[in-house]
């Protein structure tokens, strides 16, 4: 299947690439924007079941995390600051997903 983007060959048939889980807020795997816009513990567990070997973790929300978790937070904050620069209209909107996520991560 040359030229088919987003499709992986597995066992002779084409399989669509994706998260492997339901991505709606209603499913309980994701938070609504007003609550910080990230994945829930349930969502992370579902993702890790659907994608063996994944190391996905939930947001670092504690005020004084361990050094390793503090490093993850710092890294996320740096990456999301780049997103704010790329999407200035989202950066201006206090209810945008990126702004809500940064607030949840305490950036």
PDB file of N, CA and C in Angstrom:
ATOM      1  N   UNK A   1       0.827  -1.194   0.000  1.00  0.00           N
ATOM      2  CA  UNK A   1       0.000   0.000   0.000  1.00  0.00           C
ATOM      3  C   UNK A   1       0.859   1.241   0.000  1.00  0.00           C
ATOM      4  N   UNK A   2       1.590   1.430  -1.008  1.00  0.00           N
ATOM      5  CA  UNK A   2       2.454   2.600  -1.083  1.00  0.00           C
ATOM      6  C   UNK A   2       1.612   3.861  -1.179  1.00  0.00           C
ATOM      7  N   UNK A   3       2.007   4.871  -0.421  1.00  0.00           N
ATOM      8  CA  UNK A   3       1.317   6.156  -0.493  1.00  0.00           C
ATOM      9  C   UNK A   3       0.162   6.313   0.484  1.00  0.00           C
ATOM     10  N   UNK A   4      -0.142   5.309   1.260  1.00  0.00           N
ATOM     11  CA  UNK A   4      -1.241   5.429   2.224  1.00  0.00           C
ATOM     12  C   UNK A   4      -0.684   5.920   3.553  1.00  0.00           C
ATOM     13  N   UNK A   5      -0.897   7.166   3.839  1.00  0.00           N
ATOM     14  CA  UNK A   5      -0.384   7.729   5.086  1.00  0.00           C
ATOM     15  C   UNK A   5      -1.296   7.335   6.236  1.00  0.00           C
ATOM     16  N   UNK A   6      -0.720   7.049   7.378  1.00  0.00           N
ATOM     17  CA  UNK A   6      -1.508   6.724   8.556  1.00  0.00           C
ATOM     18  C   UNK A   6      -1.997   5.294   8.581  1.00  0.00           C
ATOM     19  N   UNK A   7      -1.478   4.445   7.720  1.00  0.00           N
ATOM     20  CA  UNK A   7      -1.900   3.053   7.680  1.00  0.00           C
ATOM     21  C   UNK A   7      -0.680   2.171   7.864  1.00  0.00           C
ATOM     22  N   UNK A   8      -0.783   1.196   8.740  1.00  0.00           N
ATOM     23  CA  UNK A   8       0.313   0.258   8.963  1.00  0.00           C
ATOM     24  C   UNK A   8      -0.134  -1.128   8.522  1.00  0.00           C
ATOM     25  N   UNK A   9       0.791  -1.879   7.991  1.00  0.00           N
ATOM     26  CA  UNK A   9       0.471  -3.240   7.581  1.00  0.00           C
ATOM     27  C   UNK A   9       0.749  -4.176   8.751  1.00  0.00           C
ATOM     28  N   UNK A  10      -0.244  -4.974   9.077  1.00  0.00           N
ATOM     29  CA  UNK A  10      -0.066  -5.911  10.181  1.00  0.00           C
ATOM     30  C   UNK A  10      -0.778  -7.211   9.824  1.00  0.00           C
ATOM     31  N   UNK A  11      -0.044  -8.281   9.732  1.00  0.00           N
ATOM     32  CA  UNK A  11      -0.632  -9.592   9.483  1.00  0.00           C
ATOM     33  C   UNK A  11      -1.372  -9.693   8.159  1.00  0.00           C
ATOM     34  N   UNK A  12      -0.928  -8.983   7.141  1.00  0.00           N
ATOM     35  CA  UNK A  12      -1.562  -9.096   5.841  1.00  0.00           C
ATOM     36  C   UNK A  12      -2.662  -8.083   5.594  1.00  0.00           C
ATOM     37  N   UNK A  13      -3.142  -7.412   6.615  1.00  0.00           N
ATOM     38  CA  UNK A  13      -4.217  -6.432   6.423  1.00  0.00           C
ATOM     39  C   UNK A  13      -3.778  -5.055   6.880  1.00  0.00           C
ATOM     40  N   UNK A  14      -4.443  -4.048   6.387  1.00  0.00           N
ATOM     41  CA  UNK A  14      -4.124  -2.671   6.769  1.00  0.00           C
ATOM     42  C   UNK A  14      -4.798  -2.335   8.095  1.00  0.00           C
ATOM     43  N   UNK A  15      -4.058  -1.704   8.975  1.00  0.00           N
ATOM     44  CA  UNK A  15      -4.589  -1.306  10.279  1.00  0.00           C
ATOM     45  C   UNK A  15      -4.358   0.190  10.419  1.00  0.00           C
ATOM     46  N   UNK A  16      -5.403   0.939  10.711  1.00  0.00           N
ATOM     47  CA  UNK A  16      -5.267   2.389  10.885  1.00  0.00           C
ATOM     48  C   UNK A  16      -4.464   2.691  12.125  1.00  0.00           C
ATOM     49  N   UNK A  17      -3.520   3.650  11.997  1.00  0.00           N
ATOM     50  CA  UNK A  17      -2.760   4.080  13.159  1.00  0.00           C
ATOM     51  C   UNK A  17      -3.607   5.061  13.953  1.00  0.00           C
ATOM     52  N   UNK A  18      -3.463   5.053  15.247  1.00  0.00           N
ATOM     53  CA  UNK A  18      -4.185   5.981  16.100  1.00  0.00           C
ATOM     54  C   UNK A  18      -3.816   5.730  17.536  1.00  0.00           C
ATOM     55  N   UNK A  19      -4.557   6.314  18.440  1.00  0.00           N
ATOM     56  CA  UNK A  19      -4.254   6.141  19.854  1.00  0.00           C
ATOM     57  C   UNK A  19      -4.676   4.770  20.357  1.00  0.00           C
ATOM     58  N   UNK A  20      -5.662   4.156  19.725  1.00  0.00           N
ATOM     59  CA  UNK A  20      -6.120   2.853  20.167  1.00  0.00           C
ATOM     60  C   UNK A  20      -7.133   2.928  21.300  1.00  0.00           C
ATOM     61  N   UNK A  21      -7.559   4.143  21.650  1.00  0.00           N
ATOM     62  CA  UNK A  21      -8.558   4.320  22.702  1.00  0.00           C
ATOM     63  C   UNK A  21      -9.571   5.363  22.262  1.00  0.00           C
ATOM     64  N   UNK A  22     -10.688   5.429  22.975  1.00  0.00           N
ATOM     65  CA  UNK A  22     -11.684   6.457  22.689  1.00  0.00           C
ATOM     66  C   UNK A  22     -11.150   7.790  23.174  1.00  0.00           C
ATOM     67  N   UNK A  23     -11.257   8.807  22.346  1.00  0.00           N
ATOM     68  CA  UNK A  23     -10.639  10.088  22.664  1.00  0.00           C
ATOM     69  C   UNK A  23     -11.636  11.171  23.070  1.00  0.00           C
ATOM     70  N   UNK A  24     -12.856  10.782  23.406  1.00  0.00           N
ATOM     71  CA  UNK A  24     -13.833  11.789  23.806  1.00  0.00           C
ATOM     72  C   UNK A  24     -13.768  12.038  25.311  1.00  0.00           C
ATOM     73  N   UNK A  25     -14.252  13.175  25.718  1.00  0.00           N
ATOM     74  CA  UNK A  25     -14.338  13.500  27.144  1.00  0.00           C
ATOM     75  C   UNK A  25     -15.348  12.559  27.800  1.00  0.00           C
ATOM     76  N   UNK A  26     -16.420  12.260  27.054  1.00  0.00           N
ATOM     77  CA  UNK A  26     -17.499  11.403  27.560  1.00  0.00           C
ATOM     78  C   UNK A  26     -17.003  10.001  27.933  1.00  0.00           C
ATOM     79  N   UNK A  27     -15.957   9.532  27.256  1.00  0.00           N
ATOM     80  CA  UNK A  27     -15.425   8.194  27.536  1.00  0.00           C
ATOM     81  C   UNK A  27     -14.735   8.127  28.898  1.00  0.00           C
ATOM     82  N   UNK A  28     -14.377   9.301  29.459  1.00  0.00           N
ATOM     83  CA  UNK A  28     -13.680   9.331  30.744  1.00  0.00           C
ATOM     84  C   UNK A  28     -12.171   9.263  30.605  1.00  0.00           C
ATOM     85  N   UNK A  29     -11.680   9.224  29.354  1.00  0.00           N
ATOM     86  CA  UNK A  29     -10.242   9.139  29.133  1.00  0.00           C
ATOM     87  C   UNK A  29      -9.572  10.505  29.082  1.00  0.00           C
ATOM     88  N   UNK A  30     -10.346  11.550  28.852  1.00  0.00           N
ATOM     89  CA  UNK A  30      -9.804  12.903  28.747  1.00  0.00           C
ATOM     90  C   UNK A  30     -10.605  13.854  29.616  1.00  0.00           C
ATOM     91  N   UNK A  31      -9.943  14.880  30.135  1.00  0.00           N
ATOM     92  CA  UNK A  31     -10.608  15.932  30.907  1.00  0.00           C
ATOM     93  C   UNK A  31     -11.206  16.950  29.958  1.00  0.00           C
ATOM     94  N   UNK A  32     -12.328  17.582  30.347  1.00  0.00           N
ATOM     95  CA  UNK A  32     -12.803  18.710  29.550  1.00  0.00           C
ATOM     96  C   UNK A  32     -11.822  19.870  29.681  1.00  0.00           C
ATOM     97  N   UNK A  33     -11.892  20.799  28.757  1.00  0.00           N
ATOM     98  CA  UNK A  33     -10.967  21.934  28.750  1.00  0.00           C
ATOM     99  C   UNK A  33     -10.990  22.676  30.080  1.00  0.00           C
ATOM    100  N   UNK A  34     -12.160  22.878  30.637  1.00  0.00           N
ATOM    101  CA  UNK A  34     -12.286  23.636  31.886  1.00  0.00           C
ATOM    102  C   UNK A  34     -11.554  22.968  33.050  1.00  0.00           C
ATOM    103  N   UNK A  35     -11.300  21.669  32.964  1.00  0.00           N
ATOM    104  CA  UNK A  35     -10.629  20.951  34.059  1.00  0.00           C
ATOM    105  C   UNK A  35      -9.150  20.685  33.773  1.00  0.00           C
ATOM    106  N   UNK A  36      -8.591  21.311  32.771  1.00  0.00           N
ATOM    107  CA  UNK A  36      -7.165  21.160  32.533  1.00  0.00           C
ATOM    108  C   UNK A  36      -6.791  20.461  31.254  1.00  0.00           C
ATOM    109  N   UNK A  37      -7.777  19.917  30.526  1.00  0.00           N
ATOM    110  CA  UNK A  37      -7.585  19.457  29.155  1.00  0.00           C
ATOM    111  C   UNK A  37      -6.580  18.335  28.950  1.00  0.00           C
ATOM    112  N   UNK A  38      -6.276  17.514  29.918  1.00  0.00           N
ATOM    113  CA  UNK A  38      -5.322  16.422  29.708  1.00  0.00           C
ATOM    114  C   UNK A  38      -5.981  15.068  29.808  1.00  0.00           C
ATOM    115  N   UNK A  39      -5.174  14.035  29.784  1.00  0.00           N
ATOM    116  CA  UNK A  39      -5.691  12.680  29.950  1.00  0.00           C
ATOM    117  C   UNK A  39      -5.886  12.396  31.437  1.00  0.00           C
ATOM    118  N   UNK A  40      -6.893  11.590  31.734  1.00  0.00           N
ATOM    119  CA  UNK A  40      -7.141  11.164  33.105  1.00  0.00           C
ATOM    120  C   UNK A  40      -6.293   9.928  33.401  1.00  0.00           C
ATOM    121  N   UNK A  41      -6.276   9.500  34.656  1.00  0.00           N
ATOM    122  CA  UNK A  41      -5.564   8.269  35.011  1.00  0.00           C
ATOM    123  C   UNK A  41      -6.146   7.092  34.237  1.00  0.00           C
ATOM    124  N   UNK A  42      -7.466   7.075  34.127  1.00  0.00           N
ATOM    125  CA  UNK A  42      -8.152   6.017  33.387  1.00  0.00           C
ATOM    126  C   UNK A  42      -7.714   6.037  31.921  1.00  0.00           C
ATOM    127  N   UNK A  43      -7.599   7.218  31.337  1.00  0.00           N
ATOM    128  CA  UNK A  43      -7.188   7.350  29.946  1.00  0.00           C
ATOM    129  C   UNK A  43      -5.766   6.880  29.716  1.00  0.00           C
ATOM    130  N   UNK A  44      -4.879   7.220  30.638  1.00  0.00           N
ATOM    131  CA  UNK A  44      -3.475   6.800  30.527  1.00  0.00           C
ATOM    132  C   UNK A  44      -3.389   5.276  30.628  1.00  0.00           C
ATOM    133  N   UNK A  45      -4.152   4.695  31.555  1.00  0.00           N
ATOM    134  CA  UNK A  45      -4.154   3.237  31.705  1.00  0.00           C
ATOM    135  C   UNK A  45      -4.680   2.571  30.434  1.00  0.00           C
ATOM    136  N   UNK A  46      -5.746   3.124  29.850  1.00  0.00           N
ATOM    137  CA  UNK A  46      -6.317   2.572  28.615  1.00  0.00           C
ATOM    138  C   UNK A  46      -5.313   2.685  27.474  1.00  0.00           C
ATOM    139  N   UNK A  47      -4.629   3.810  27.372  1.00  0.00           N
ATOM    140  CA  UNK A  47      -3.635   4.021  26.319  1.00  0.00           C
ATOM    141  C   UNK A  47      -2.497   3.018  26.459  1.00  0.00           C
ATOM    142  N   UNK A  48      -2.044   2.815  27.687  1.00  0.00           N
ATOM    143  CA  UNK A  48      -0.926   1.899  27.900  1.00  0.00           C
ATOM    144  C   UNK A  48      -1.319   0.457  27.619  1.00  0.00           C
ATOM    145  N   UNK A  49      -2.583   0.099  27.867  1.00  0.00           N
ATOM    146  CA  UNK A  49      -3.068  -1.242  27.503  1.00  0.00           C
ATOM    147  C   UNK A  49      -3.104  -1.399  25.984  1.00  0.00           C
ATOM    148  N   UNK A  50      -3.556  -0.353  25.296  1.00  0.00           N
ATOM    149  CA  UNK A  50      -3.676  -0.402  23.834  1.00  0.00           C
ATOM    150  C   UNK A  50      -2.327  -0.295  23.134  1.00  0.00           C
ATOM    151  N   UNK A  51      -1.328   0.259  23.809  1.00  0.00           N
ATOM    152  CA  UNK A  51       0.001   0.465  23.221  1.00  0.00           C
ATOM    153  C   UNK A  51       1.067  -0.099  24.147  1.00  0.00           C
ATOM    154  N   UNK A  52       1.272  -1.413  24.135  1.00  0.00           N
ATOM    155  CA  UNK A  52       2.252  -2.031  25.031  1.00  0.00           C
ATOM    156  C   UNK A  52       3.638  -1.417  24.848  1.00  0.00           C
ATOM    157  N   UNK A  53       4.327  -1.218  25.952  1.00  0.00           N
ATOM    158  CA  UNK A  53       5.656  -0.622  25.912  1.00  0.00           C
ATOM    159  C   UNK A  53       5.633   0.886  26.066  1.00  0.00           C
ATOM    160  N   UNK A  54       4.434   1.464  26.095  1.00  0.00           N
ATOM    161  CA  UNK A  54       4.319   2.918  26.243  1.00  0.00           C
ATOM    162  C   UNK A  54       4.727   3.337  27.647  1.00  0.00           C
ATOM    163  N   UNK A  55       5.298   4.538  27.747  1.00  0.00           N
ATOM    164  CA  UNK A  55       5.686   5.069  29.054  1.00  0.00           C
ATOM    165  C   UNK A  55       4.905   6.339  29.379  1.00  0.00           C
ATOM    166  N   UNK A  56       3.735   6.494  28.775  1.00  0.00           N
ATOM    167  CA  UNK A  56       2.908   7.676  28.995  1.00  0.00           C
ATOM    168  C   UNK A  56       2.543   7.801  30.465  1.00  0.00           C
ATOM    169  N   UNK A  57       2.598   9.018  30.993  1.00  0.00           N
ATOM    170  CA  UNK A  57       2.263   9.288  32.389  1.00  0.00           C
ATOM    171  C   UNK A  57       1.306  10.466  32.463  1.00  0.00           C
ATOM    172  N   UNK A  58       0.654  10.614  33.607  1.00  0.00           N
ATOM    173  CA  UNK A  58      -0.254  11.741  33.801  1.00  0.00           C
ATOM    174  C   UNK A  58       0.540  13.002  34.119  1.00  0.00           C
ATOM    175  N   UNK A  59      -0.172  14.124  34.181  1.00  0.00           N
ATOM    176  CA  UNK A  59       0.454  15.420  34.420  1.00  0.00           C
ATOM    177  C   UNK A  59       1.100  15.487  35.803  1.00  0.00           C
ATOM    178  N   UNK A  60       2.155  16.283  35.908  1.00  0.00           N
ATOM    179  CA  UNK A  60       2.817  16.535  37.194  1.00  0.00           C
ATOM    180  C   UNK A  60       2.104  17.735  37.808  1.00  0.00           C
ATOM    181  N   UNK A  61       1.250  17.478  38.807  1.00  0.00           N
ATOM    182  CA  UNK A  61       0.427  18.547  39.365  1.00  0.00           C
ATOM    183  C   UNK A  61       0.777  18.898  40.805  1.00  0.00           C
ATOM    184  N   UNK A  62       1.627  18.115  41.442  1.00  0.00           N
ATOM    185  CA  UNK A  62       1.958  18.403  42.841  1.00  0.00           C
ATOM    186  C   UNK A  62       2.846  19.638  42.951  1.00  0.00           C
ATOM    187  N   UNK A  63       2.805  20.291  44.098  1.00  0.00           N
ATOM    188  CA  UNK A  63       3.558  21.539  44.257  1.00  0.00           C
ATOM    189  C   UNK A  63       5.062  21.309  44.423  1.00  0.00           C
ATOM    190  N   UNK A  64       5.472  20.218  45.059  1.00  0.00           N
ATOM    191  CA  UNK A  64       6.914  19.945  45.181  1.00  0.00           C
ATOM    192  C   UNK A  64       7.178  18.491  44.748  1.00  0.00           C
ATOM    193  N   UNK A  65       7.288  18.266  43.424  1.00  0.00           N
ATOM    194  CA  UNK A  65       7.508  16.910  42.920  1.00  0.00           C
ATOM    195  C   UNK A  65       8.941  16.438  43.144  1.00  0.00           C
ATOM    196  N   UNK A  66       9.128  15.134  42.976  1.00  0.00           N
ATOM    197  CA  UNK A  66      10.479  14.570  43.062  1.00  0.00           C
ATOM    198  C   UNK A  66      11.315  15.172  41.936  1.00  0.00           C
ATOM    199  N   UNK A  67      12.633  15.108  42.033  1.00  0.00           N
ATOM    200  CA  UNK A  67      13.488  15.705  40.993  1.00  0.00           C
ATOM    201  C   UNK A  67      13.183  15.206  39.573  1.00  0.00           C
ATOM    202  N   UNK A  68      12.892  13.920  39.441  1.00  0.00           N
ATOM    203  CA  UNK A  68      12.610  13.377  38.107  1.00  0.00           C
ATOM    204  C   UNK A  68      11.301  13.950  37.566  1.00  0.00           C
ATOM    205  N   UNK A  69      10.284  14.020  38.408  1.00  0.00           N
ATOM    206  CA  UNK A  69       8.995  14.569  37.979  1.00  0.00           C
ATOM    207  C   UNK A  69       9.105  16.073  37.728  1.00  0.00           C
ATOM    208  N   UNK A  70       9.936  16.766  38.504  1.00  0.00           N
ATOM    209  CA  UNK A  70      10.146  18.203  38.286  1.00  0.00           C
ATOM    210  C   UNK A  70      10.797  18.431  36.921  1.00  0.00           C
ATOM    211  N   UNK A  71      11.676  17.535  36.525  1.00  0.00           N
ATOM    212  CA  UNK A  71      12.331  17.634  35.226  1.00  0.00           C
ATOM    213  C   UNK A  71      11.310  17.434  34.101  1.00  0.00           C
ATOM    214  N   UNK A  72      10.388  16.480  34.290  1.00  0.00           N
ATOM    215  CA  UNK A  72       9.321  16.266  33.308  1.00  0.00           C
ATOM    216  C   UNK A  72       8.457  17.510  33.178  1.00  0.00           C
ATOM    217  N   UNK A  73       8.127  18.131  34.311  1.00  0.00           N
ATOM    218  CA  UNK A  73       7.303  19.338  34.289  1.00  0.00           C
ATOM    219  C   UNK A  73       8.022  20.451  33.533  1.00  0.00           C
ATOM    220  N   UNK A  74       9.301  20.629  33.842  1.00  0.00           N
ATOM    221  CA  UNK A  74      10.082  21.683  33.194  1.00  0.00           C
ATOM    222  C   UNK A  74      10.120  21.457  31.680  1.00  0.00           C
ATOM    223  N   UNK A  75      10.280  20.217  31.268  1.00  0.00           N
ATOM    224  CA  UNK A  75      10.318  19.871  29.862  1.00  0.00           C
ATOM    225  C   UNK A  75       8.975  20.157  29.190  1.00  0.00           C
ATOM    226  N   UNK A  76       7.879  19.757  29.855  1.00  0.00           N
ATOM    227  CA  UNK A  76       6.552  20.026  29.296  1.00  0.00           C
ATOM    228  C   UNK A  76       6.318  21.517  29.165  1.00  0.00           C
ATOM    229  N   UNK A  77       6.670  22.265  30.185  1.00  0.00           N
ATOM    230  CA  UNK A  77       6.457  23.709  30.170  1.00  0.00           C
ATOM    231  C   UNK A  77       7.240  24.363  29.036  1.00  0.00           C
ATOM    232  N   UNK A  78       8.454  23.887  28.777  1.00  0.00           N
ATOM    233  CA  UNK A  78       9.255  24.433  27.687  1.00  0.00           C
ATOM    234  C   UNK A  78       8.622  24.109  26.333  1.00  0.00           C
ATOM    235  N   UNK A  79       8.163  22.860  26.158  1.00  0.00           N
ATOM    236  CA  UNK A  79       7.529  22.478  24.892  1.00  0.00           C
ATOM    237  C   UNK A  79       6.230  23.241  24.674  1.00  0.00           C
ATOM    238  N   UNK A  80       5.435  23.373  25.723  1.00  0.00           N
ATOM    239  CA  UNK A  80       4.147  24.043  25.564  1.00  0.00           C
ATOM    240  C   UNK A  80       4.312  25.545  25.366  1.00  0.00           C
ATOM    241  N   UNK A  81       5.415  26.118  25.853  1.00  0.00           N
ATOM    242  CA  UNK A  81       5.692  27.526  25.593  1.00  0.00           C
ATOM    243  C   UNK A  81       5.913  27.735  24.097  1.00  0.00           C
ATOM    244  N   UNK A  82       6.525  26.762  23.445  1.00  0.00           N
ATOM    245  CA  UNK A  82       6.703  26.811  21.997  1.00  0.00           C
ATOM    246  C   UNK A  82       5.370  26.753  21.276  1.00  0.00           C
ATOM    247  N   UNK A  83       4.438  25.960  21.807  1.00  0.00           N
ATOM    248  CA  UNK A  83       3.096  25.888  21.213  1.00  0.00           C
ATOM    249  C   UNK A  83       2.380  27.227  21.338  1.00  0.00           C
ATOM    250  N   UNK A  84       2.601  27.898  22.457  1.00  0.00           N
ATOM    251  CA  UNK A  84       1.975  29.207  22.656  1.00  0.00           C
ATOM    252  C   UNK A  84       2.490  30.196  21.605  1.00  0.00           C
ATOM    253  N   UNK A  85       3.774  30.085  21.256  1.00  0.00           N
ATOM    254  CA  UNK A  85       4.338  30.975  20.231  1.00  0.00           C
ATOM    255  C   UNK A  85       3.798  30.625  18.850  1.00  0.00           C
ATOM    256  N   UNK A  86       3.610  29.323  18.584  1.00  0.00           N
ATOM    257  CA  UNK A  86       3.123  28.897  17.280  1.00  0.00           C
ATOM    258  C   UNK A  86       1.664  29.275  17.051  1.00  0.00           C
ATOM    259  N   UNK A  87       0.885  29.318  18.127  1.00  0.00           N
ATOM    260  CA  UNK A  87      -0.554  29.592  18.022  1.00  0.00           C
ATOM    261  C   UNK A  87      -0.917  30.777  18.902  1.00  0.00           C
ATOM    262  N   UNK A  88      -0.600  31.994  18.465  1.00  0.00           N
ATOM    263  CA  UNK A  88      -0.848  33.175  19.296  1.00  0.00           C
ATOM    264  C   UNK A  88      -2.326  33.393  19.614  1.00  0.00           C
ATOM    265  N   UNK A  89      -3.221  32.944  18.718  1.00  0.00           N
ATOM    266  CA  UNK A  89      -4.650  33.109  19.007  1.00  0.00           C
ATOM    267  C   UNK A  89      -5.076  32.232  20.182  1.00  0.00           C
ATOM    268  N   UNK A  90      -4.487  31.052  20.312  1.00  0.00           N
ATOM    269  CA  UNK A  90      -4.774  30.176  21.451  1.00  0.00           C
ATOM    270  C   UNK A  90      -4.121  30.729  22.715  1.00  0.00           C
ATOM    271  N   UNK A  91      -2.967  31.353  22.566  1.00  0.00           N
ATOM    272  CA  UNK A  91      -2.256  31.919  23.710  1.00  0.00           C
ATOM    273  C   UNK A  91      -3.044  33.066  24.335  1.00  0.00           C
ATOM    274  N   UNK A  92      -3.815  33.778  23.511  1.00  0.00           N
ATOM    275  CA  UNK A  92      -4.608  34.904  24.019  1.00  0.00           C
ATOM    276  C   UNK A  92      -5.883  34.453  24.718  1.00  0.00           C
ATOM    277  N   UNK A  93      -6.389  33.284  24.347  1.00  0.00           N
ATOM    278  CA  UNK A  93      -7.658  32.781  24.889  1.00  0.00           C
ATOM    279  C   UNK A  93      -7.404  32.012  26.187  1.00  0.00           C
ATOM    280  N   UNK A  94      -7.901  32.493  27.333  1.00  0.00           N
ATOM    281  CA  UNK A  94      -7.638  31.795  28.599  1.00  0.00           C
ATOM    282  C   UNK A  94      -8.313  30.426  28.697  1.00  0.00           C
ATOM    283  N   UNK A  95      -9.295  30.155  27.822  1.00  0.00           N
ATOM    284  CA  UNK A  95      -9.985  28.870  27.851  1.00  0.00           C
ATOM    285  C   UNK A  95      -9.468  27.889  26.803  1.00  0.00           C
ATOM    286  N   UNK A  96      -8.382  28.221  26.121  1.00  0.00           N
ATOM    287  CA  UNK A  96      -7.841  27.305  25.115  1.00  0.00           C
ATOM    288  C   UNK A  96      -7.227  26.095  25.819  1.00  0.00           C
ATOM    289  N   UNK A  97      -7.140  24.983  25.089  1.00  0.00           N
ATOM    290  CA  UNK A  97      -6.625  23.739  25.674  1.00  0.00           C
ATOM    291  C   UNK A  97      -5.186  23.912  26.146  1.00  0.00           C
ATOM    292  N   UNK A  98      -4.361  24.613  25.374  1.00  0.00           N
ATOM    293  CA  UNK A  98      -2.952  24.762  25.764  1.00  0.00           C
ATOM    294  C   UNK A  98      -2.835  25.586  27.044  1.00  0.00           C
ATOM    295  N   UNK A  99      -3.612  26.652  27.164  1.00  0.00           N
ATOM    296  CA  UNK A  99      -3.557  27.484  28.374  1.00  0.00           C
ATOM    297  C   UNK A  99      -4.061  26.713  29.589  1.00  0.00           C
ATOM    298  N   UNK A 100      -5.127  25.950  29.413  1.00  0.00           N
ATOM    299  CA  UNK A 100      -5.674  25.153  30.513  1.00  0.00           C
ATOM    300  C   UNK A 100      -4.693  24.061  30.933  1.00  0.00           C
ATOM    301  N   UNK A 101      -4.055  23.423  29.955  1.00  0.00           N
ATOM    302  CA  UNK A 101      -3.083  22.370  30.264  1.00  0.00           C
ATOM    303  C   UNK A 101      -1.885  22.965  31.021  1.00  0.00           C
ATOM    304  N   UNK A 102      -1.404  24.128  30.567  1.00  0.00           N
ATOM    305  CA  UNK A 102      -0.272  24.772  31.245  1.00  0.00           C
ATOM    306  C   UNK A 102      -0.654  25.145  32.681  1.00  0.00           C
ATOM    307  N   UNK A 103      -1.878  25.562  32.875  1.00  0.00           N
ATOM    308  CA  UNK A 103      -2.328  25.905  34.233  1.00  0.00           C
ATOM    309  C   UNK A 103      -2.344  24.641  35.104  1.00  0.00           C
ATOM    310  N   UNK A 104      -2.820  23.530  34.508  1.00  0.00           N
ATOM    311  CA  UNK A 104      -2.875  22.263  35.261  1.00  0.00           C
ATOM    312  C   UNK A 104      -1.469  21.793  35.647  1.00  0.00           C
ATOM    313  N   UNK A 105      -0.511  21.955  34.756  1.00  0.00           N
ATOM    314  CA  UNK A 105       0.868  21.542  35.000  1.00  0.00           C
ATOM    315  C   UNK A 105       1.625  22.561  35.852  1.00  0.00           C
ATOM    316  N   UNK A 106       0.998  23.692  36.153  1.00  0.00           N
ATOM    317  CA  UNK A 106       1.597  24.768  36.958  1.00  0.00           C
ATOM    318  C   UNK A 106       2.827  25.349  36.273  1.00  0.00           C
ATOM    319  N   UNK A 107       2.660  25.670  34.980  1.00  0.00           N
ATOM    320  CA  UNK A 107       3.732  26.311  34.212  1.00  0.00           C
ATOM    321  C   UNK A 107       3.694  27.814  34.450  1.00  0.00           C
TER     322      UNK A 107
END
